[in-house]
Structures are given as C-alpha cells and as structure tokens.
C-alpha cells in the first residue's frame, strides 16, 4: 500500500519505490530504500511529514504515493 495510507503516528517498512529513475534516485539518496523504517509524523498543508531512518522530511502526496510500504513485524503496526 502507498505511504499516504499510513495512519498518523504509525511506523512501517518500505517495500519498494515505484518511480522514474530520477525520482527513485533522489528518494534513495534521502534514505527511502527497501526495508528502511518510516513513520508518519503528520500532514501539514498537503504534505506528509515523515521520519525515515532518523531524518525528517516533508513529501508531497504525489511523491508519497510512489512509496509502497508494509507493516513492520518488529512494531506490530496496524495499517489503515
């Protein structure tokens, strides 16, 4: 499921990034790689505020839709 579907305050793991080469490279440089831990901090002015591997980023919803996530088995997170 896309990162945009994650509930605020919940964490998960990145499964894959479904984007073009340039965006995928940019996200990879920011730490959005498969199996990286990501937590949704909140939404502000149409942007998602996320924490990935200890760094905070604001992502537009279009960009966040390209990041597919799955539950983190260590966290027992409910997605939705």
N, C-alpha and C. Protein backbone atom coordinates (compact mmCIF):
# COMPACT_ATOMS: atom_id res chain seq x y z
N UNK A 1 0.84 -1.18 0.00
CA UNK A 1 0.00 0.00 0.00
C UNK A 1 0.88 1.24 0.00
N UNK A 2 0.38 2.35 -0.52
CA UNK A 2 1.20 3.57 -0.57
C UNK A 2 1.37 4.21 0.81
N UNK A 3 2.44 4.95 0.97
CA UNK A 3 2.75 5.63 2.23
C UNK A 3 1.61 6.56 2.66
N UNK A 4 0.88 7.10 1.72
CA UNK A 4 -0.20 8.03 2.04
C UNK A 4 -1.33 7.36 2.84
N UNK A 5 -1.41 6.04 2.82
CA UNK A 5 -2.47 5.31 3.52
C UNK A 5 -2.12 5.03 4.98
N UNK A 6 -0.91 5.32 5.39
CA UNK A 6 -0.45 5.06 6.75
C UNK A 6 -1.11 6.04 7.71
N UNK A 7 -1.54 5.54 8.86
CA UNK A 7 -2.14 6.40 9.88
C UNK A 7 -1.07 7.23 10.58
N UNK A 8 -1.44 8.43 10.98
CA UNK A 8 -0.52 9.34 11.65
C UNK A 8 0.04 8.70 12.92
N UNK A 9 1.34 8.81 13.09
CA UNK A 9 2.00 8.26 14.27
C UNK A 9 2.42 6.80 14.11
N UNK A 10 2.03 6.16 13.03
CA UNK A 10 2.34 4.75 12.82
C UNK A 10 3.63 4.59 12.02
N UNK A 11 4.27 3.46 12.23
CA UNK A 11 5.50 3.16 11.51
C UNK A 11 5.35 1.93 10.64
N UNK A 12 6.25 1.78 9.70
CA UNK A 12 6.22 0.64 8.79
C UNK A 12 7.59 0.51 8.15
N UNK A 13 7.70 -0.41 7.20
CA UNK A 13 8.92 -0.60 6.42
C UNK A 13 8.62 -0.32 4.95
N UNK A 14 9.58 0.22 4.26
CA UNK A 14 9.42 0.48 2.83
C UNK A 14 9.58 -0.84 2.08
N UNK A 15 8.62 -1.13 1.23
CA UNK A 15 8.66 -2.35 0.42
C UNK A 15 9.36 -2.07 -0.92
N UNK A 16 8.94 -0.99 -1.58
CA UNK A 16 9.55 -0.60 -2.85
C UNK A 16 9.19 0.84 -3.18
N UNK A 17 9.97 1.43 -4.09
CA UNK A 17 9.68 2.76 -4.60
C UNK A 17 9.34 2.60 -6.08
N UNK A 18 8.10 2.98 -6.43
CA UNK A 18 7.63 2.87 -7.82
C UNK A 18 7.67 4.24 -8.47
N UNK A 19 8.83 4.61 -8.94
CA UNK A 19 9.01 5.94 -9.53
C UNK A 19 9.98 5.85 -10.70
N UNK A 20 10.05 6.93 -11.45
CA UNK A 20 11.02 7.02 -12.54
C UNK A 20 12.43 7.07 -12.00
N UNK A 21 13.40 6.95 -12.88
CA UNK A 21 14.80 6.87 -12.47
C UNK A 21 15.26 8.06 -11.62
N UNK A 22 14.94 9.27 -12.04
CA UNK A 22 15.40 10.45 -11.31
C UNK A 22 14.79 10.55 -9.92
N UNK A 23 13.47 10.36 -9.82
CA UNK A 23 12.81 10.44 -8.51
C UNK A 23 13.27 9.30 -7.63
N UNK A 24 13.41 8.12 -8.18
CA UNK A 24 13.87 6.96 -7.41
C UNK A 24 15.28 7.21 -6.86
N UNK A 25 16.14 7.79 -7.69
CA UNK A 25 17.50 8.12 -7.25
C UNK A 25 17.46 9.14 -6.11
N UNK A 26 16.64 10.16 -6.27
CA UNK A 26 16.52 11.21 -5.26
C UNK A 26 16.02 10.64 -3.93
N UNK A 27 14.98 9.80 -4.00
CA UNK A 27 14.44 9.19 -2.78
C UNK A 27 15.45 8.24 -2.14
N UNK A 28 16.18 7.52 -2.96
CA UNK A 28 17.21 6.62 -2.43
C UNK A 28 18.28 7.40 -1.68
N UNK A 29 18.68 8.53 -2.23
CA UNK A 29 19.67 9.37 -1.57
C UNK A 29 19.17 9.91 -0.23
N UNK A 30 17.85 10.07 -0.12
CA UNK A 30 17.24 10.56 1.11
C UNK A 30 17.04 9.43 2.14
N UNK A 31 17.24 8.18 1.71
CA UNK A 31 17.10 7.07 2.64
C UNK A 31 15.85 6.23 2.45
N UNK A 32 15.05 6.54 1.43
CA UNK A 32 13.83 5.78 1.14
C UNK A 32 14.19 4.56 0.31
N UNK A 33 14.72 3.53 0.98
CA UNK A 33 15.15 2.31 0.32
C UNK A 33 14.38 1.12 0.89
N UNK A 34 14.26 0.04 0.14
CA UNK A 34 13.55 -1.14 0.65
C UNK A 34 14.07 -1.58 2.01
N UNK A 35 13.15 -1.90 2.89
CA UNK A 35 13.36 -2.34 4.28
C UNK A 35 13.74 -1.21 5.23
N UNK A 36 13.80 0.05 4.76
CA UNK A 36 14.04 1.18 5.66
C UNK A 36 12.80 1.42 6.51
N UNK A 37 13.02 1.85 7.72
CA UNK A 37 11.94 2.16 8.65
C UNK A 37 11.42 3.57 8.39
N UNK A 38 10.10 3.73 8.34
CA UNK A 38 9.50 5.04 8.12
C UNK A 38 8.29 5.21 9.03
N UNK A 39 8.11 6.42 9.58
CA UNK A 39 7.00 6.73 10.46
C UNK A 39 6.34 8.01 9.98
N UNK A 40 5.02 8.00 9.91
CA UNK A 40 4.28 9.20 9.52
C UNK A 40 4.10 10.08 10.75
N UNK A 41 4.70 11.26 10.72
CA UNK A 41 4.61 12.19 11.83
C UNK A 41 3.29 12.96 11.76
N UNK A 42 2.89 13.38 10.57
CA UNK A 42 1.65 14.11 10.40
C UNK A 42 1.51 14.66 8.99
N UNK A 43 0.43 15.38 8.78
CA UNK A 43 0.17 16.03 7.50
C UNK A 43 0.04 17.52 7.74
N UNK A 44 0.66 18.29 6.87
CA UNK A 44 0.61 19.74 7.00
C UNK A 44 0.59 20.38 5.63
N UNK A 45 -0.46 21.14 5.34
CA UNK A 45 -0.60 21.85 4.06
C UNK A 45 -0.45 20.93 2.85
N UNK A 46 -1.01 19.74 2.93
CA UNK A 46 -0.96 18.82 1.81
C UNK A 46 0.31 17.99 1.71
N UNK A 47 1.25 18.22 2.61
CA UNK A 47 2.49 17.46 2.63
C UNK A 47 2.46 16.45 3.78
N UNK A 48 3.13 15.33 3.59
CA UNK A 48 3.27 14.35 4.65
C UNK A 48 4.62 14.58 5.33
N UNK A 49 4.59 14.68 6.63
CA UNK A 49 5.83 14.81 7.40
C UNK A 49 6.19 13.42 7.87
N UNK A 50 7.36 12.94 7.47
CA UNK A 50 7.77 11.57 7.79
C UNK A 50 9.16 11.55 8.41
N UNK A 51 9.41 10.49 9.15
CA UNK A 51 10.73 10.24 9.71
C UNK A 51 11.21 8.95 9.08
N UNK A 52 12.32 9.00 8.38
CA UNK A 52 12.89 7.80 7.77
C UNK A 52 14.33 7.66 8.25
N UNK A 53 14.61 6.55 8.90
CA UNK A 53 15.95 6.28 9.44
C UNK A 53 16.49 7.43 10.27
N UNK A 54 15.64 8.08 11.05
CA UNK A 54 16.06 9.15 11.94
C UNK A 54 16.07 10.55 11.34
N UNK A 55 15.78 10.68 10.05
CA UNK A 55 15.74 12.00 9.41
C UNK A 55 14.30 12.37 9.08
N UNK A 56 13.96 13.65 9.23
CA UNK A 56 12.61 14.13 8.93
C UNK A 56 12.55 14.77 7.56
N UNK A 57 11.46 14.44 6.84
CA UNK A 57 11.24 15.01 5.52
C UNK A 57 9.77 15.38 5.35
N UNK A 58 9.52 16.35 4.49
CA UNK A 58 8.16 16.68 4.06
C UNK A 58 8.05 16.22 2.61
N UNK A 59 7.08 15.35 2.34
CA UNK A 59 6.87 14.82 0.99
C UNK A 59 5.51 15.25 0.49
N UNK A 60 5.43 15.63 -0.77
CA UNK A 60 4.14 15.88 -1.39
C UNK A 60 3.40 14.57 -1.53
N UNK A 61 2.07 14.64 -1.57
CA UNK A 61 1.27 13.42 -1.66
C UNK A 61 1.56 12.62 -2.92
N UNK A 62 1.84 13.29 -4.03
CA UNK A 62 2.17 12.59 -5.27
C UNK A 62 3.42 11.76 -5.12
N UNK A 63 4.42 12.31 -4.47
CA UNK A 63 5.67 11.59 -4.25
C UNK A 63 5.45 10.44 -3.26
N UNK A 64 4.68 10.69 -2.21
CA UNK A 64 4.42 9.66 -1.19
C UNK A 64 3.62 8.49 -1.76
N UNK A 65 2.79 8.74 -2.78
CA UNK A 65 2.01 7.67 -3.41
C UNK A 65 2.92 6.66 -4.12
N UNK A 66 4.13 7.05 -4.44
CA UNK A 66 5.06 6.17 -5.15
C UNK A 66 5.88 5.29 -4.21
N UNK A 67 5.75 5.52 -2.90
CA UNK A 67 6.49 4.75 -1.91
C UNK A 67 5.54 3.71 -1.31
N UNK A 68 5.80 2.44 -1.62
CA UNK A 68 4.97 1.34 -1.13
C UNK A 68 5.53 0.84 0.19
N UNK A 69 4.64 0.63 1.16
CA UNK A 69 5.06 0.22 2.49
C UNK A 69 4.36 -1.06 2.92
N UNK A 70 4.90 -1.68 3.96
CA UNK A 70 4.32 -2.88 4.55
C UNK A 70 4.50 -2.78 6.06
N UNK A 71 3.72 -3.53 6.82
CA UNK A 71 3.86 -3.48 8.29
C UNK A 71 5.26 -3.86 8.73
N UNK A 72 5.69 -3.25 9.80
CA UNK A 72 6.99 -3.58 10.39
C UNK A 72 6.75 -4.70 11.40
N UNK A 73 7.27 -5.90 11.14
CA UNK A 73 7.00 -7.02 12.04
C UNK A 73 7.51 -6.79 13.46
N UNK A 74 8.50 -5.94 13.64
CA UNK A 74 9.03 -5.66 14.95
C UNK A 74 8.13 -4.72 15.74
N UNK A 75 7.28 -3.99 15.07
CA UNK A 75 6.47 -2.98 15.70
C UNK A 75 5.02 -3.40 15.93
N UNK A 76 4.55 -4.39 15.18
CA UNK A 76 3.16 -4.80 15.31
C UNK A 76 2.21 -3.69 14.96
N UNK A 77 2.47 -3.00 13.87
CA UNK A 77 1.73 -1.83 13.46
C UNK A 77 0.44 -2.20 12.73
N UNK A 78 -0.60 -1.46 13.01
CA UNK A 78 -1.83 -1.59 12.24
C UNK A 78 -1.83 -0.57 11.14
N UNK A 79 -1.99 -1.00 9.90
CA UNK A 79 -2.04 -0.07 8.78
C UNK A 79 -3.48 0.29 8.50
N UNK A 80 -3.70 1.49 7.99
CA UNK A 80 -5.06 1.88 7.64
C UNK A 80 -5.32 3.23 7.95
